[in-house]
Every structure is written in structure tokens, then in C-alpha cells.
Amino acid sequence: MAEHYESDITLFIKSYKKSHPDVEQRQREGRSRLWDKPLDPELQEGFKQARVLQKPYVYQND
């Protein structure tokens, strides 16, 4: 490939970000709304204790 080649997708993303400068901030807000939540240590400990160990070969009948 040429040293300074940029794909059509890369060019589109660059032009989109240039015409919509707030897009990265909106992405961060969306991520924080869905994923960046404080974890409850007691709840996490309960999940850890309730975990059931998986057999090495899960499809084997006993």
C-alpha cells in the first residue's frame, strides 16, 4: 500500500468528525450512561460465591 493511503472509511470518519465536533463527547456520555457504573462490592462478592465451577469437558454425560 502507499505510505499516505487512507481508506474511504477513514476519510468518511475524519470528515464526519470535522462536521460534527461533538460526536466524541456524545459517545463518552453514552458509554458512561450504559457501562461506567459504580460496582457494589457486597453484590460482587455474592456473585463470586454463587459461581458454579464448570467441568473440563462440558458435553460429557455423567
PDB file of N, CA and C in Angstrom:
ATOM      1  N   MET A   1       0.833  -1.183   0.000  1.00  0.00           N
ATOM      2  CA  MET A   1       0.000   0.000   0.000  1.00  0.00           C
ATOM      3  C   MET A   1       0.878   1.247   0.000  1.00  0.00           C
ATOM      4  N   ALA A   2       0.317   2.297  -0.485  1.00  0.00           N
ATOM      5  CA  ALA A   2       1.036   3.565  -0.493  1.00  0.00           C
ATOM      6  C   ALA A   2       1.206   4.064   0.942  1.00  0.00           C
ATOM      7  N   GLU A   3       2.261   4.778   1.171  1.00  0.00           N
ATOM      8  CA  GLU A   3       2.586   5.227   2.520  1.00  0.00           C
ATOM      9  C   GLU A   3       1.524   6.174   3.087  1.00  0.00           C
ATOM     10  N   HIS A   4       0.955   7.019   2.257  1.00  0.00           N
ATOM     11  CA  HIS A   4      -0.007   8.017   2.735  1.00  0.00           C
ATOM     12  C   HIS A   4      -1.439   7.668   2.331  1.00  0.00           C
ATOM     13  N   TYR A   5      -1.708   6.414   2.077  1.00  0.00           N
ATOM     14  CA  TYR A   5      -3.044   5.982   1.675  1.00  0.00           C
ATOM     15  C   TYR A   5      -3.996   6.016   2.862  1.00  0.00           C
ATOM     16  N   GLU A   6      -5.196   6.512   2.643  1.00  0.00           N
ATOM     17  CA  GLU A   6      -6.257   6.463   3.638  1.00  0.00           C
ATOM     18  C   GLU A   6      -7.490   5.882   2.967  1.00  0.00           C
ATOM     19  N   SER A   7      -8.098   4.920   3.620  1.00  0.00           N
ATOM     20  CA  SER A   7      -9.258   4.257   3.031  1.00  0.00           C
ATOM     21  C   SER A   7     -10.456   5.199   2.990  1.00  0.00           C
ATOM     22  N   ASP A   8     -11.464   4.784   2.237  1.00  0.00           N
ATOM     23  CA  ASP A   8     -12.689   5.578   2.145  1.00  0.00           C
ATOM     24  C   ASP A   8     -13.359   5.712   3.505  1.00  0.00           C
ATOM     25  N   ILE A   9     -13.302   4.658   4.283  1.00  0.00           N
ATOM     26  CA  ILE A   9     -13.911   4.684   5.621  1.00  0.00           C
ATOM     27  C   ILE A   9     -13.200   5.702   6.510  1.00  0.00           C
ATOM     28  N   THR A  10     -11.862   5.697   6.482  1.00  0.00           N
ATOM     29  CA  THR A  10     -11.091   6.647   7.282  1.00  0.00           C
ATOM     30  C   THR A  10     -11.403   8.076   6.865  1.00  0.00           C
ATOM     31  N   LEU A  11     -11.472   8.318   5.585  1.00  0.00           N
ATOM     32  CA  LEU A  11     -11.798   9.655   5.102  1.00  0.00           C
ATOM     33  C   LEU A  11     -13.200  10.071   5.528  1.00  0.00           C
ATOM     34  N   PHE A  12     -14.148   9.126   5.477  1.00  0.00           N
ATOM     35  CA  PHE A  12     -15.506   9.430   5.906  1.00  0.00           C
ATOM     36  C   PHE A  12     -15.540   9.792   7.386  1.00  0.00           C
ATOM     37  N   ILE A  13     -14.863   8.992   8.223  1.00  0.00           N
ATOM     38  CA  ILE A  13     -14.862   9.252   9.665  1.00  0.00           C
ATOM     39  C   ILE A  13     -14.227  10.603   9.969  1.00  0.00           C
ATOM     40  N   LYS A  14     -13.132  10.917   9.313  1.00  0.00           N
ATOM     41  CA  LYS A  14     -12.484  12.211   9.531  1.00  0.00           C
ATOM     42  C   LYS A  14     -13.400  13.361   9.133  1.00  0.00           C
ATOM     43  N   SER A  15     -14.080  13.230   7.982  1.00  0.00           N
ATOM     44  CA  SER A  15     -14.966  14.315   7.553  1.00  0.00           C
ATOM     45  C   SER A  15     -16.186  14.409   8.476  1.00  0.00           C
ATOM     46  N   TYR A  16     -16.681  13.268   8.951  1.00  0.00           N
ATOM     47  CA  TYR A  16     -17.820  13.278   9.864  1.00  0.00           C
ATOM     48  C   TYR A  16     -17.453  13.961  11.169  1.00  0.00           C
ATOM     49  N   LYS A  17     -16.286  13.638  11.713  1.00  0.00           N
ATOM     50  CA  LYS A  17     -15.848  14.274  12.958  1.00  0.00           C
ATOM     51  C   LYS A  17     -15.618  15.767  12.774  1.00  0.00           C
ATOM     52  N   LYS A  18     -15.161  16.148  11.583  1.00  0.00           N
ATOM     53  CA  LYS A  18     -14.944  17.563  11.314  1.00  0.00           C
ATOM     54  C   LYS A  18     -16.274  18.320  11.253  1.00  0.00           C
ATOM     55  N   SER A  19     -17.288  17.704  10.658  1.00  0.00           N
ATOM     56  CA  SER A  19     -18.586  18.362  10.542  1.00  0.00           C
ATOM     57  C   SER A  19     -19.450  18.200  11.802  1.00  0.00           C
ATOM     58  N   HIS A  20     -19.128  17.242  12.662  1.00  0.00           N
ATOM     59  CA  HIS A  20     -19.839  17.018  13.925  1.00  0.00           C
ATOM     60  C   HIS A  20     -18.814  16.974  15.060  1.00  0.00           C
ATOM     61  N   PRO A  21     -18.325  18.113  15.520  1.00  0.00           N
ATOM     62  CA  PRO A  21     -17.252  18.113  16.528  1.00  0.00           C
ATOM     63  C   PRO A  21     -17.667  17.574  17.896  1.00  0.00           C
ATOM     64  N   ASP A  22     -18.969  17.460  18.153  1.00  0.00           N
ATOM     65  CA  ASP A  22     -19.408  16.983  19.463  1.00  0.00           C
ATOM     66  C   ASP A  22     -19.603  15.472  19.527  1.00  0.00           C
ATOM     67  N   VAL A  23     -19.315  14.771  18.462  1.00  0.00           N
ATOM     68  CA  VAL A  23     -19.615  13.335  18.406  1.00  0.00           C
ATOM     69  C   VAL A  23     -18.821  12.534  19.446  1.00  0.00           C
ATOM     70  N   GLU A  24     -17.592  12.853  19.684  1.00  0.00           N
ATOM     71  CA  GLU A  24     -16.795  12.090  20.664  1.00  0.00           C
ATOM     72  C   GLU A  24     -17.321  12.323  22.075  1.00  0.00           C
ATOM     73  N   GLN A  25     -17.730  13.546  22.380  1.00  0.00           N
ATOM     74  CA  GLN A  25     -18.293  13.831  23.700  1.00  0.00           C
ATOM     75  C   GLN A  25     -19.603  13.068  23.899  1.00  0.00           C
ATOM     76  N   ARG A  26     -20.428  13.012  22.870  1.00  0.00           N
ATOM     77  CA  ARG A  26     -21.689  12.260  22.967  1.00  0.00           C
ATOM     78  C   ARG A  26     -21.421  10.770  23.125  1.00  0.00           C
ATOM     79  N   GLN A  27     -20.376  10.258  22.477  1.00  0.00           N
ATOM     80  CA  GLN A  27     -20.017   8.845  22.642  1.00  0.00           C
ATOM     81  C   GLN A  27     -19.600   8.565  24.083  1.00  0.00           C
ATOM     82  N   ARG A  28     -18.825   9.462  24.667  1.00  0.00           N
ATOM     83  CA  ARG A  28     -18.399   9.273  26.061  1.00  0.00           C
ATOM     84  C   ARG A  28     -19.603   9.303  27.006  1.00  0.00           C
ATOM     85  N   GLU A  29     -20.543  10.220  26.751  1.00  0.00           N
ATOM     86  CA  GLU A  29     -21.732  10.302  27.591  1.00  0.00           C
ATOM     87  C   GLU A  29     -22.571   9.024  27.464  1.00  0.00           C
ATOM     88  N   GLY A  30     -22.710   8.516  26.260  1.00  0.00           N
ATOM     89  CA  GLY A  30     -23.459   7.282  26.061  1.00  0.00           C
ATOM     90  C   GLY A  30     -22.805   6.103  26.748  1.00  0.00           C
ATOM     91  N   ARG A  31     -21.481   6.049  26.667  1.00  0.00           N
ATOM     92  CA  ARG A  31     -20.766   4.956  27.339  1.00  0.00           C
ATOM     93  C   ARG A  31     -20.946   5.041  28.848  1.00  0.00           C
ATOM     94  N   SER A  32     -20.833   6.241  29.403  1.00  0.00           N
ATOM     95  CA  SER A  32     -20.968   6.377  30.854  1.00  0.00           C
ATOM     96  C   SER A  32     -22.382   6.051  31.304  1.00  0.00           C
ATOM     97  N   ARG A  33     -23.367   6.344  30.461  1.00  0.00           N
ATOM     98  CA  ARG A  33     -24.751   6.047  30.802  1.00  0.00           C
ATOM     99  C   ARG A  33     -24.993   4.532  30.844  1.00  0.00           C
ATOM    100  N   LEU A  34     -24.331   3.799  29.968  1.00  0.00           N
ATOM    101  CA  LEU A  34     -24.592   2.361  29.878  1.00  0.00           C
ATOM    102  C   LEU A  34     -23.593   1.492  30.638  1.00  0.00           C
ATOM    103  N   TRP A  35     -22.315   1.864  30.669  1.00  0.00           N
ATOM    104  CA  TRP A  35     -21.283   0.943  31.138  1.00  0.00           C
ATOM    105  C   TRP A  35     -20.528   1.397  32.367  1.00  0.00           C
ATOM    106  N   ASP A  36     -20.268   2.669  32.522  1.00  0.00           N
ATOM    107  CA  ASP A  36     -19.417   3.132  33.619  1.00  0.00           C
ATOM    108  C   ASP A  36     -20.250   3.344  34.881  1.00  0.00           C
ATOM    109  N   LYS A  37     -20.559   2.263  35.556  1.00  0.00           N
ATOM    110  CA  LYS A  37     -21.371   2.296  36.766  1.00  0.00           C
ATOM    111  C   LYS A  37     -20.518   1.876  37.960  1.00  0.00           C
ATOM    112  N   PRO A  38     -20.790   2.478  39.118  1.00  0.00           N
ATOM    113  CA  PRO A  38     -20.063   2.025  40.316  1.00  0.00           C
ATOM    114  C   PRO A  38     -20.504   0.609  40.682  1.00  0.00           C
ATOM    115  N   LEU A  39     -19.558  -0.216  41.076  1.00  0.00           N
ATOM    116  CA  LEU A  39     -19.844  -1.605  41.430  1.00  0.00           C
ATOM    117  C   LEU A  39     -20.023  -1.732  42.936  1.00  0.00           C
ATOM    118  N   ASP A  40     -21.017  -2.499  43.346  1.00  0.00           N
ATOM    119  CA  ASP A  40     -21.278  -2.767  44.752  1.00  0.00           C
ATOM    120  C   ASP A  40     -20.406  -3.949  45.186  1.00  0.00           C
ATOM    121  N   PRO A  41     -19.446  -3.726  46.098  1.00  0.00           N
ATOM    122  CA  PRO A  41     -18.538  -4.816  46.498  1.00  0.00           C
ATOM    123  C   PRO A  41     -19.271  -6.011  47.116  1.00  0.00           C
ATOM    124  N   GLU A  42     -20.323  -5.780  47.902  1.00  0.00           N
ATOM    125  CA  GLU A  42     -21.059  -6.878  48.508  1.00  0.00           C
ATOM    126  C   GLU A  42     -21.765  -7.713  47.441  1.00  0.00           C
ATOM    127  N   LEU A  43     -22.335  -7.060  46.462  1.00  0.00           N
ATOM    128  CA  LEU A  43     -23.008  -7.761  45.379  1.00  0.00           C
ATOM    129  C   LEU A  43     -22.002  -8.568  44.565  1.00  0.00           C
ATOM    130  N   GLN A  44     -20.834  -8.003  44.302  1.00  0.00           N
ATOM    131  CA  GLN A  44     -19.790  -8.708  43.568  1.00  0.00           C
ATOM    132  C   GLN A  44     -19.319  -9.940  44.341  1.00  0.00           C
ATOM    133  N   GLU A  45     -19.211  -9.824  45.647  1.00  0.00           N
ATOM    134  CA  GLU A  45     -18.804 -10.972  46.471  1.00  0.00           C
ATOM    135  C   GLU A  45     -19.864 -12.066  46.412  1.00  0.00           C
ATOM    136  N   GLY A  46     -21.123 -11.687  46.423  1.00  0.00           N
ATOM    137  CA  GLY A  46     -22.204 -12.666  46.300  1.00  0.00           C
ATOM    138  C   GLY A  46     -22.144 -13.394  44.965  1.00  0.00           C
ATOM    139  N   PHE A  47     -21.859 -12.666  43.891  1.00  0.00           N
ATOM    140  CA  PHE A  47     -21.712 -13.300  42.571  1.00  0.00           C
ATOM    141  C   PHE A  47     -20.557 -14.297  42.580  1.00  0.00           C
ATOM    142  N   LYS A  48     -19.457 -13.906  43.229  1.00  0.00           N
ATOM    143  CA  LYS A  48     -18.287 -14.784  43.270  1.00  0.00           C
ATOM    144  C   LYS A  48     -18.588 -16.069  44.049  1.00  0.00           C
ATOM    145  N   GLN A  49     -19.311 -15.960  45.157  1.00  0.00           N
ATOM    146  CA  GLN A  49     -19.640 -17.132  45.959  1.00  0.00           C
ATOM    147  C   GLN A  49     -20.661 -18.031  45.275  1.00  0.00           C
ATOM    148  N   ALA A  50     -21.537 -17.469  44.466  1.00  0.00           N
ATOM    149  CA  ALA A  50     -22.586 -18.247  43.801  1.00  0.00           C
ATOM    150  C   ALA A  50     -22.096 -18.924  42.531  1.00  0.00           C
ATOM    151  N   ARG A  51     -20.884 -18.680  42.144  1.00  0.00           N
ATOM    152  CA  ARG A  51     -20.362 -19.239  40.907  1.00  0.00           C
ATOM    153  C   ARG A  51     -20.265 -20.764  40.992  1.00  0.00           C
ATOM    154  N   VAL A  52     -20.691 -21.421  39.927  1.00  0.00           N
ATOM    155  CA  VAL A  52     -20.631 -22.878  39.840  1.00  0.00           C
ATOM    156  C   VAL A  52     -19.467 -23.233  38.923  1.00  0.00           C
ATOM    157  N   LEU A  53     -18.579 -24.093  39.393  1.00  0.00           N
ATOM    158  CA  LEU A  53     -17.430 -24.471  38.592  1.00  0.00           C
ATOM    159  C   LEU A  53     -17.857 -25.310  37.394  1.00  0.00           C
ATOM    160  N   GLN A  54     -17.231 -25.081  36.287  1.00  0.00           N
ATOM    161  CA  GLN A  54     -17.545 -25.800  35.061  1.00  0.00           C
ATOM    162  C   GLN A  54     -16.612 -26.994  34.922  1.00  0.00           C
ATOM    163  N   LYS A  55     -17.164 -28.100  34.421  1.00  0.00           N
ATOM    164  CA  LYS A  55     -16.349 -29.289  34.192  1.00  0.00           C
ATOM    165  C   LYS A  55     -15.393 -29.030  33.036  1.00  0.00           C
ATOM    166  N   PRO A  56     -14.265 -29.744  33.005  1.00  0.00           N
ATOM    167  CA  PRO A  56     -13.317 -29.550  31.909  1.00  0.00           C
ATOM    168  C   PRO A  56     -13.929 -29.824  30.537  1.00  0.00           C
ATOM    169  N   TYR A  57     -14.782 -30.821  30.446  1.00  0.00           N
ATOM    170  CA  TYR A  57     -15.444 -31.124  29.184  1.00  0.00           C
ATOM    171  C   TYR A  57     -16.940 -31.071  29.442  1.00  0.00           C
ATOM    172  N   VAL A  58     -17.575 -29.977  29.028  1.00  0.00           N
ATOM    173  CA  VAL A  58     -18.958 -29.720  29.428  1.00  0.00           C
ATOM    174  C   VAL A  58     -19.976 -30.639  28.770  1.00  0.00           C
ATOM    175  N   TYR A  59     -19.633 -31.279  27.674  1.00  0.00           N
ATOM    176  CA  TYR A  59     -20.590 -32.116  26.950  1.00  0.00           C
ATOM    177  C   TYR A  59     -20.566 -33.578  27.386  1.00  0.00           C
ATOM    178  N   GLN A  60     -19.723 -33.917  28.350  1.00  0.00           N
ATOM    179  CA  GLN A  60     -19.638 -35.294  28.823  1.00  0.00           C
ATOM    180  C   GLN A  60     -20.818 -35.605  29.743  1.00  0.00           C
ATOM    181  N   ASN A  61     -21.483 -36.736  29.498  1.00  0.00           N
ATOM    182  CA  ASN A  61     -22.575 -37.166  30.367  1.00  0.00           C
ATOM    183  C   ASN A  61     -22.004 -37.907  31.558  1.00  0.00           C
ATOM    184  N   ASP A  62     -22.632 -37.737  32.677  1.00  0.00           N
ATOM    185  CA  ASP A  62     -22.200 -38.465  33.879  1.00  0.00           C
ATOM    186  C   ASP A  62     -23.020 -39.693  34.102  1.00  0.00           C
TER     187      ASP A  62
END
